[in-house]
Amino acid sequence: MSESVSVRCPACRREHLYAAPAYPCECGAPVVPPLDPAGTATAVTHRAWDDEWISVRCTACGHEGEWPRPELGCTCGTLLRVPVARASAEDEEAEPPKAPAPRRAFQPVTIRTARDAVTAAAVYLRWLGYRDIRRADQRPTSGIGIAAHGLLAQVDPTVRPASLRDVECLWLTAMTESAACVYFSLSGYAPDARARADTLGIPLFVLDLTGTPQPVNTLADELDSTGAW
């Protein structure tokens, strides 16, 4: 369990006790962003992908992954960005990362917000073996785009089923980047969208509220079984 730190809201001066959530590394060990007890929390006034993700090294296997930056909602309505400790010189010079362990059982991230849905999809893609997960360069027609080496993924956290146009636009964008593609939806897919995805070779997943992607078509079943390798 991560240590708790005191976080003061710069707007109302209330103090909160905060513990960073743990995320599952691909080796199965929990990864917790290191908090800076001497740092000062800042209010989140706008969203930027680079500000929302941080690199954290797994203490078990040495793998360095990208995880959501810790945030805390104050009762006054201000969203706080919790300060994270920087790696020390000793950490930077630590022994090189070990070879990743065989893929273990997937450990989902519970979905409560749209941001959680993106995190859940990113965690799943990392579990499959994809690397360099980041915000996609091109914004999709709906939802949020994330990319990995050789892959473009779309995460749709809305309450409507993904449409035929959504699926086709994802495929066209992936084609321009010479990448494969995969779709994650919270609310499923329209029948014509599912049929078109099978034709275009797009794995479709539905994200349940536990954060576990459920394969919708055969292509998704195959990806879930074989991973990115």
C-alpha atoms as a PDB file:
ATOM      1  CA  MET A   1       0.000   0.000   0.000  1.00  0.00           C
ATOM      2  CA  SER A   2       1.293   3.476  -0.847  1.00  0.00           C
ATOM      3  CA  GLU A   3       2.091   6.045   1.817  1.00  0.00           C
ATOM      4  CA  SER A   4      -0.362   8.862   2.464  1.00  0.00           C
ATOM      5  CA  VAL A   5       0.656  12.501   2.174  1.00  0.00           C
ATOM      6  CA  SER A   6      -1.049  15.708   3.217  1.00  0.00           C
ATOM      7  CA  VAL A   7      -2.354  17.740   0.266  1.00  0.00           C
ATOM      8  CA  ARG A   8      -3.545  21.334   0.705  1.00  0.00           C
ATOM      9  CA  CYS A   9      -5.977  22.902  -1.733  1.00  0.00           C
ATOM     10  CA  PRO A  10      -4.595  26.250  -2.980  1.00  0.00           C
ATOM     11  CA  ALA A  11      -8.133  27.578  -3.456  1.00  0.00           C
ATOM     12  CA  CYS A  12      -9.805  26.933  -0.089  1.00  0.00           C
ATOM     13  CA  ARG A  13      -6.761  25.872   1.988  1.00  0.00           C
ATOM     14  CA  ARG A  14      -8.393  22.630   3.103  1.00  0.00           C
ATOM     15  CA  GLU A  15      -6.025  19.762   3.789  1.00  0.00           C
ATOM     16  CA  HIS A  16      -6.629  16.229   2.560  1.00  0.00           C
ATOM     17  CA  LEU A  17      -4.890  12.941   3.244  1.00  0.00           C
ATOM     18  CA  TYR A  18      -4.098  11.287  -0.091  1.00  0.00           C
ATOM     19  CA  ALA A  19      -2.645   7.923  -1.081  1.00  0.00           C
ATOM     20  CA  ALA A  20      -1.738   7.280  -4.721  1.00  0.00           C
ATOM     21  CA  PRO A  21      -3.524   4.373  -6.424  1.00  0.00           C
ATOM     22  CA  ALA A  22      -1.550   1.302  -7.458  1.00  0.00           C
ATOM     23  CA  TYR A  23      -1.537   0.181 -11.093  1.00  0.00           C
ATOM     24  CA  PRO A  24      -0.646  -3.295 -12.380  1.00  0.00           C
ATOM     25  CA  CYS A  25       2.705  -3.625 -14.142  1.00  0.00           C
ATOM     26  CA  GLU A  26       2.880  -6.128 -16.993  1.00  0.00           C
ATOM     27  CA  CYS A  27       4.881  -8.377 -14.643  1.00  0.00           C
ATOM     28  CA  GLY A  28       1.953  -8.416 -12.217  1.00  0.00           C
ATOM     29  CA  ALA A  29       3.522  -6.278  -9.487  1.00  0.00           C
ATOM     30  CA  PRO A  30       1.770  -3.106  -8.279  1.00  0.00           C
ATOM     31  CA  VAL A  31       3.229   0.204  -9.462  1.00  0.00           C
ATOM     32  CA  VAL A  32       2.596   3.301  -7.348  1.00  0.00           C
ATOM     33  CA  PRO A  33       3.605   6.841  -8.379  1.00  0.00           C
ATOM     34  CA  PRO A  34       6.012   8.218  -5.731  1.00  0.00           C
ATOM     35  CA  LEU A  35       4.452  11.220  -4.010  1.00  0.00           C
ATOM     36  CA  ASP A  36       6.404  14.268  -2.875  1.00  0.00           C
ATOM     37  CA  PRO A  37       5.353  15.138   0.700  1.00  0.00           C
ATOM     38  CA  ALA A  38       7.203  18.453   0.469  1.00  0.00           C
ATOM     39  CA  GLY A  39       5.606  19.465  -2.828  1.00  0.00           C
ATOM     40  CA  THR A  40       2.669  21.805  -3.379  1.00  0.00           C
ATOM     41  CA  ALA A  41      -0.531  20.734  -5.082  1.00  0.00           C
ATOM     42  CA  THR A  42      -1.693  22.793  -8.055  1.00  0.00           C
ATOM     43  CA  ALA A  43      -5.161  23.330  -9.478  1.00  0.00           C
ATOM     44  CA  VAL A  44      -5.948  21.676 -12.809  1.00  0.00           C
ATOM     45  CA  THR A  45      -7.288  24.414 -15.072  1.00  0.00           C
ATOM     46  CA  HIS A  46      -6.913  22.679 -18.433  1.00  0.00           C
ATOM     47  CA  ARG A  47      -6.133  19.223 -19.749  1.00  0.00           C
ATOM     48  CA  ALA A  48      -2.995  18.254 -21.683  1.00  0.00           C
ATOM     49  CA  TRP A  49      -1.943  14.681 -22.347  1.00  0.00           C
ATOM     50  CA  ASP A  50       1.717  15.261 -21.437  1.00  0.00           C
ATOM     51  CA  ASP A  51       0.680  16.701 -18.067  1.00  0.00           C
ATOM     52  CA  GLU A  52      -1.636  13.815 -17.207  1.00  0.00           C
ATOM     53  CA  TRP A  53       0.844  10.930 -17.548  1.00  0.00           C
ATOM     54  CA  ILE A  54       4.122  10.255 -15.772  1.00  0.00           C
ATOM     55  CA  SER A  55       6.852   7.641 -16.121  1.00  0.00           C
ATOM     56  CA  VAL A  56       7.105   5.262 -13.171  1.00  0.00           C
ATOM     57  CA  ARG A  57       9.572   2.392 -12.905  1.00  0.00           C
ATOM     58  CA  CYS A  58       8.388  -0.922 -11.504  1.00  0.00           C
ATOM     59  CA  THR A  59      10.491  -1.889  -8.499  1.00  0.00           C
ATOM     60  CA  ALA A  60       9.939  -5.583  -9.224  1.00  0.00           C
ATOM     61  CA  CYS A  61      10.991  -5.928 -12.879  1.00  0.00           C
ATOM     62  CA  GLY A  62      12.479  -2.518 -13.681  1.00  0.00           C
ATOM     63  CA  HIS A  63      10.059  -1.784 -16.528  1.00  0.00           C
ATOM     64  CA  GLU A  64       9.286   1.919 -16.924  1.00  0.00           C
ATOM     65  CA  GLY A  65       5.686   2.569 -17.891  1.00  0.00           C
ATOM     66  CA  GLU A  66       3.392   5.548 -18.362  1.00  0.00           C
ATOM     67  CA  TRP A  67       0.697   5.949 -15.707  1.00  0.00           C
ATOM     68  CA  PRO A  68      -1.894   8.619 -14.822  1.00  0.00           C
ATOM     69  CA  ARG A  69      -0.556  11.518 -12.770  1.00  0.00           C
ATOM     70  CA  PRO A  70      -2.156  11.515  -9.290  1.00  0.00           C
ATOM     71  CA  GLU A  71      -5.146  13.833  -8.927  1.00  0.00           C
ATOM     72  CA  LEU A  72      -7.509  14.654  -6.077  1.00  0.00           C
ATOM     73  CA  GLY A  73     -10.885  16.384  -6.072  1.00  0.00           C
ATOM     74  CA  CYS A  74     -11.315  18.917  -3.272  1.00  0.00           C
ATOM     75  CA  THR A  75     -14.729  19.426  -1.669  1.00  0.00           C
ATOM     76  CA  CYS A  76     -14.663  23.046  -2.863  1.00  0.00           C
ATOM     77  CA  GLY A  77     -14.783  21.806  -6.454  1.00  0.00           C
ATOM     78  CA  THR A  78     -11.120  22.326  -7.342  1.00  0.00           C
ATOM     79  CA  LEU A  79      -9.303  19.453  -9.031  1.00  0.00           C
ATOM     80  CA  LEU A  80      -5.798  19.139  -7.611  1.00  0.00           C
ATOM     81  CA  ARG A  81      -2.690  17.756  -9.269  1.00  0.00           C
ATOM     82  CA  VAL A  82      -0.722  15.998  -6.530  1.00  0.00           C
ATOM     83  CA  PRO A  83       3.071  16.558  -6.639  1.00  0.00           C
ATOM     84  CA  VAL A  84       5.194  13.557  -7.574  1.00  0.00           C
ATOM     85  CA  ALA A  85       8.733  12.942  -6.343  1.00  0.00           C
ATOM     86  CA  ARG A  86      11.484  13.008  -8.932  1.00  0.00           C
ATOM     87  CA  ALA A  87      13.790  10.037  -9.317  1.00  0.00           C
ATOM     88  CA  SER A  88      17.040  10.354  -7.398  1.00  0.00           C
ATOM     89  CA  ALA A  89      20.464   9.961  -8.967  1.00  0.00           C
ATOM     90  CA  GLU A  90      20.715   6.520  -7.375  1.00  0.00           C
ATOM     91  CA  ASP A  91      17.439   5.507  -8.976  1.00  0.00           C
ATOM     92  CA  GLU A  92      18.630   6.718 -12.371  1.00  0.00           C
ATOM     93  CA  GLU A  93      21.819   4.666 -12.035  1.00  0.00           C
ATOM     94  CA  ALA A  94      20.052   1.567 -10.769  1.00  0.00           C
ATOM     95  CA  GLU A  95      20.555  -1.774 -12.411  1.00  0.00           C
ATOM     96  CA  PRO A  96      19.126  -2.052 -15.925  1.00  0.00           C
ATOM     97  CA  PRO A  97      15.574  -3.359 -16.336  1.00  0.00           C
ATOM     98  CA  LYS A  98      15.161  -7.095 -16.276  1.00  0.00           C
ATOM     99  CA  ALA A  99      13.549  -8.993 -19.098  1.00  0.00           C
ATOM    100  CA  PRO A 100       9.750  -8.856 -18.769  1.00  0.00           C
ATOM    101  CA  ALA A 101       8.132 -11.871 -17.178  1.00  0.00           C
ATOM    102  CA  PRO A 102       5.599 -13.999 -19.068  1.00  0.00           C
ATOM    103  CA  ARG A 103       2.191 -12.380 -19.381  1.00  0.00           C
ATOM    104  CA  ARG A 104       0.175 -12.835 -16.218  1.00  0.00           C
ATOM    105  CA  ALA A 105      -3.529 -12.562 -15.549  1.00  0.00           C
ATOM    106  CA  PHE A 106      -4.882  -9.151 -16.514  1.00  0.00           C
ATOM    107  CA  GLN A 107      -5.490  -6.779 -13.604  1.00  0.00           C
ATOM    108  CA  PRO A 108      -8.144  -4.227 -14.596  1.00  0.00           C
ATOM    109  CA  VAL A 109      -8.592  -0.619 -13.518  1.00  0.00           C
ATOM    110  CA  THR A 110     -12.119   0.203 -12.334  1.00  0.00           C
ATOM    111  CA  ILE A 111     -13.936   2.667 -14.592  1.00  0.00           C
ATOM    112  CA  ARG A 112     -15.707   5.603 -12.959  1.00  0.00           C
ATOM    113  CA  THR A 113     -14.877   8.399 -15.398  1.00  0.00           C
ATOM    114  CA  ALA A 114     -13.961   8.851 -19.050  1.00  0.00           C
ATOM    115  CA  ARG A 115     -10.334   9.234 -17.979  1.00  0.00           C
ATOM    116  CA  ASP A 116     -10.559   5.860 -16.236  1.00  0.00           C
ATOM    117  CA  ALA A 117     -11.773   4.298 -19.493  1.00  0.00           C
ATOM    118  CA  VAL A 118      -8.685   5.571 -21.320  1.00  0.00           C
ATOM    119  CA  THR A 119      -6.462   4.321 -18.505  1.00  0.00           C
ATOM    120  CA  ALA A 120      -8.148   0.902 -18.589  1.00  0.00           C
ATOM    121  CA  ALA A 121      -7.580   0.603 -22.342  1.00  0.00           C
ATOM    122  CA  ALA A 122      -3.948   1.715 -21.993  1.00  0.00           C
ATOM    123  CA  VAL A 123      -3.344  -0.804 -19.194  1.00  0.00           C
ATOM    124  CA  TYR A 124      -4.858  -3.556 -21.327  1.00  0.00           C
ATOM    125  CA  LEU A 125      -2.764  -2.671 -24.385  1.00  0.00           C
ATOM    126  CA  ARG A 126       0.360  -2.641 -22.236  1.00  0.00           C
ATOM    127  CA  TRP A 127      -0.635  -6.058 -20.878  1.00  0.00           C
ATOM    128  CA  LEU A 128      -0.981  -7.314 -24.450  1.00  0.00           C
ATOM    129  CA  GLY A 129       2.605  -6.255 -25.068  1.00  0.00           C
ATOM    130  CA  TYR A 130       2.277  -2.920 -26.861  1.00  0.00           C
ATOM    131  CA  ARG A 131       4.898  -0.280 -26.103  1.00  0.00           C
ATOM    132  CA  ASP A 132       5.193   3.515 -26.206  1.00  0.00           C
ATOM    133  CA  ILE A 133       1.520   4.096 -25.413  1.00  0.00           C
ATOM    134  CA  ARG A 134       0.630   7.766 -25.824  1.00  0.00           C
ATOM    135  CA  ARG A 135      -2.071  10.171 -26.978  1.00  0.00           C
ATOM    136  CA  ALA A 136      -2.799   9.764 -30.686  1.00  0.00           C
ATOM    137  CA  ASP A 137      -1.646  12.589 -32.948  1.00  0.00           C
ATOM    138  CA  GLN A 138      -5.014  12.859 -34.687  1.00  0.00           C
ATOM    139  CA  ARG A 139      -8.189  13.370 -32.686  1.00  0.00           C
ATOM    140  CA  PRO A 140     -10.892  10.816 -33.587  1.00  0.00           C
ATOM    141  CA  THR A 141     -14.434  11.726 -34.620  1.00  0.00           C
ATOM    142  CA  SER A 142     -15.632  10.572 -31.209  1.00  0.00           C
ATOM    143  CA  GLY A 143     -13.983   9.420 -28.024  1.00  0.00           C
ATOM    144  CA  ILE A 144     -10.255   9.560 -27.364  1.00  0.00           C
ATOM    145  CA  GLY A 145      -7.427   8.222 -29.489  1.00  0.00           C
ATOM    146  CA  ILE A 146      -4.370   6.505 -28.062  1.00  0.00           C
ATOM    147  CA  ALA A 147      -1.447   5.074 -29.965  1.00  0.00           C
ATOM    148  CA  ALA A 148       1.295   2.531 -29.455  1.00  0.00           C
ATOM    149  CA  HIS A 149       4.085   1.260 -31.666  1.00  0.00           C
ATOM    150  CA  GLY A 150       2.308   0.022 -34.796  1.00  0.00           C
ATOM    151  CA  LEU A 151      -1.176   0.468 -33.344  1.00  0.00           C
ATOM    152  CA  LEU A 152      -3.928   3.074 -33.203  1.00  0.00           C
ATOM    153  CA  ALA A 153      -6.722   2.610 -30.661  1.00  0.00           C
ATOM    154  CA  GLN A 154      -9.949   4.494 -30.104  1.00  0.00           C
ATOM    155  CA  VAL A 155     -11.647   4.632 -26.710  1.00  0.00           C
ATOM    156  CA  ASP A 156     -15.297   5.688 -26.736  1.00  0.00           C
ATOM    157  CA  PRO A 157     -16.539   6.424 -23.183  1.00  0.00           C
ATOM    158  CA  THR A 158     -19.936   7.755 -24.298  1.00  0.00           C
ATOM    159  CA  VAL A 159     -23.315   6.147 -23.631  1.00  0.00           C
ATOM    160  CA  ARG A 160     -24.148   5.532 -27.288  1.00  0.00           C
ATOM    161  CA  PRO A 161     -23.035   2.510 -29.310  1.00  0.00           C
ATOM    162  CA  ALA A 162     -20.155   3.123 -31.705  1.00  0.00           C
ATOM    163  CA  SER A 163     -21.438   3.756 -35.212  1.00  0.00           C
ATOM    164  CA  LEU A 164     -20.415   2.532 -38.643  1.00  0.00           C
ATOM    165  CA  ARG A 165     -18.821   5.930 -39.305  1.00  0.00           C
ATOM    166  CA  ASP A 166     -16.774   5.709 -36.092  1.00  0.00           C
ATOM    167  CA  VAL A 167     -15.338   2.348 -37.100  1.00  0.00           C
ATOM    168  CA  GLU A 168     -14.598   3.401 -40.673  1.00  0.00           C
ATOM    169  CA  CYS A 169     -12.935   6.653 -39.586  1.00  0.00           C
ATOM    170  CA  LEU A 170     -10.665   4.760 -37.201  1.00  0.00           C
ATOM    171  CA  TRP A 171      -9.667   2.373 -39.984  1.00  0.00           C
ATOM    172  CA  LEU A 172      -8.963   5.205 -42.436  1.00  0.00           C
ATOM    173  CA  THR A 173      -6.835   7.064 -39.898  1.00  0.00           C
ATOM    174  CA  ALA A 174      -4.882   3.907 -39.095  1.00  0.00           C
ATOM    175  CA  MET A 175      -4.311   3.308 -42.808  1.00  0.00           C
ATOM    176  CA  THR A 176      -2.734   6.758 -43.212  1.00  0.00           C
ATOM    177  CA  GLU A 177      -0.322   5.887 -40.389  1.00  0.00           C
ATOM    178  CA  SER A 178       0.376   2.347 -41.650  1.00  0.00           C
ATOM    179  CA  ALA A 179      -0.817   0.979 -38.327  1.00  0.00           C
ATOM    180  CA  ALA A 180      -3.220  -1.666 -37.109  1.00  0.00           C
ATOM    181  CA  CYS A 181      -6.222  -0.487 -35.118  1.00  0.00           C
ATOM    182  CA  VAL A 182      -8.504  -1.558 -32.289  1.00  0.00           C
ATOM    183  CA  TYR A 183     -11.696  -0.086 -30.834  1.00  0.00           C
ATOM    184  CA  PHE A 184     -12.821   0.086 -27.183  1.00  0.00           C
ATOM    185  CA  SER A 185     -16.387   1.121 -26.368  1.00  0.00           C
ATOM    186  CA  LEU A 186     -18.324   1.398 -23.123  1.00  0.00           C
ATOM    187  CA  SER A 187     -21.705   1.023 -24.830  1.00  0.00           C
ATOM    188  CA  GLY A 188     -21.138  -1.550 -27.541  1.00  0.00           C
ATOM    189  CA  TYR A 189     -21.527  -1.225 -31.303  1.00  0.00           C
ATOM    190  CA  ALA A 190     -24.267  -0.773 -33.853  1.00  0.00           C
ATOM    191  CA  PRO A 191     -24.884  -3.972 -35.884  1.00  0.00           C
ATOM    192  CA  ASP A 192     -23.546  -2.439 -39.111  1.00  0.00           C
ATOM    193  CA  ALA A 193     -20.452  -1.219 -37.255  1.00  0.00           C
ATOM    194  CA  ARG A 194     -19.717  -4.750 -36.031  1.00  0.00           C
ATOM    195  CA  ALA A 195     -20.150  -6.190 -39.503  1.00  0.00           C
ATOM    196  CA  ARG A 196     -17.905  -3.539 -41.043  1.00  0.00           C
ATOM    197  CA  ALA A 197     -15.216  -4.088 -38.402  1.00  0.00           C
ATOM    198  CA  ASP A 198     -15.086  -7.776 -39.311  1.00  0.00           C
ATOM    199  CA  THR A 199     -14.614  -6.834 -42.964  1.00  0.00           C
ATOM    200  CA  LEU A 200     -11.881  -4.288 -42.194  1.00  0.00           C
ATOM    201  CA  GLY A 201     -10.088  -6.494 -39.676  1.00  0.00           C
ATOM    202  CA  ILE A 202     -10.677  -4.348 -36.584  1.00  0.00           C
ATOM    203  CA  PRO A 203     -10.798  -6.017 -33.151  1.00  0.00           C
ATOM    204  CA  LEU A 204     -13.731  -4.691 -31.121  1.00  0.00           C
ATOM    205  CA  PHE A 205     -13.886  -4.639 -27.329  1.00  0.00           C
ATOM    206  CA  VAL A 206     -16.502  -3.521 -24.831  1.00  0.00           C
ATOM    207  CA  LEU A 207     -15.134  -2.085 -21.588  1.00  0.00           C
ATOM    208  CA  ASP A 208     -17.140  -3.231 -18.591  1.00  0.00           C
ATOM    209  CA  LEU A 209     -17.149  -1.107 -15.446  1.00  0.00           C
ATOM    210  CA  THR A 210     -14.484  -3.268 -13.823  1.00  0.00           C
ATOM    211  CA  GLY A 211     -12.138  -2.058 -16.569  1.00  0.00           C
ATOM    212  CA  THR A 212     -11.889  -5.449 -18.261  1.00  0.00           C
ATOM    213  CA  PRO A 213     -12.122  -5.352 -22.083  1.00  0.00           C
ATOM    214  CA  GLN A 214     -14.561  -7.982 -23.338  1.00  0.00           C
ATOM    215  CA  PRO A 215     -13.953  -9.206 -26.914  1.00  0.00           C
ATOM    216  CA  VAL A 216     -16.894  -8.561 -29.231  1.00  0.00           C
ATOM    217  CA  ASN A 217     -15.653 -10.241 -32.418  1.00  0.00           C
ATOM    218  CA  THR A 218     -13.306 -13.073 -33.355  1.00  0.00           C
ATOM    219  CA  LEU A 219     -10.476 -10.659 -34.113  1.00  0.00           C
ATOM    220  CA  ALA A 220     -10.658  -9.351 -30.564  1.00  0.00           C
ATOM    221  CA  ASP A 221     -10.665 -12.912 -29.201  1.00  0.00           C
ATOM    222  CA  GLU A 222      -7.496 -13.651 -31.158  1.00  0.00           C
ATOM    223  CA  LEU A 223      -5.766 -10.469 -29.982  1.00  0.00           C
ATOM    224  CA  ASP A 224      -6.682 -11.210 -26.376  1.00  0.00           C
ATOM    225  CA  SER A 225      -5.242 -14.723 -26.701  1.00  0.00           C
ATOM    226  CA  THR A 226      -2.034 -13.989 -28.588  1.00  0.00           C
ATOM    227  CA  GLY A 227      -1.184 -10.452 -27.492  1.00  0.00           C
ATOM    228  CA  ALA A 228       0.933  -8.064 -29.528  1.00  0.00           C
ATOM    229  CA  TRP A 229       3.668 -10.582 -30.306  1.00  0.00           C
END
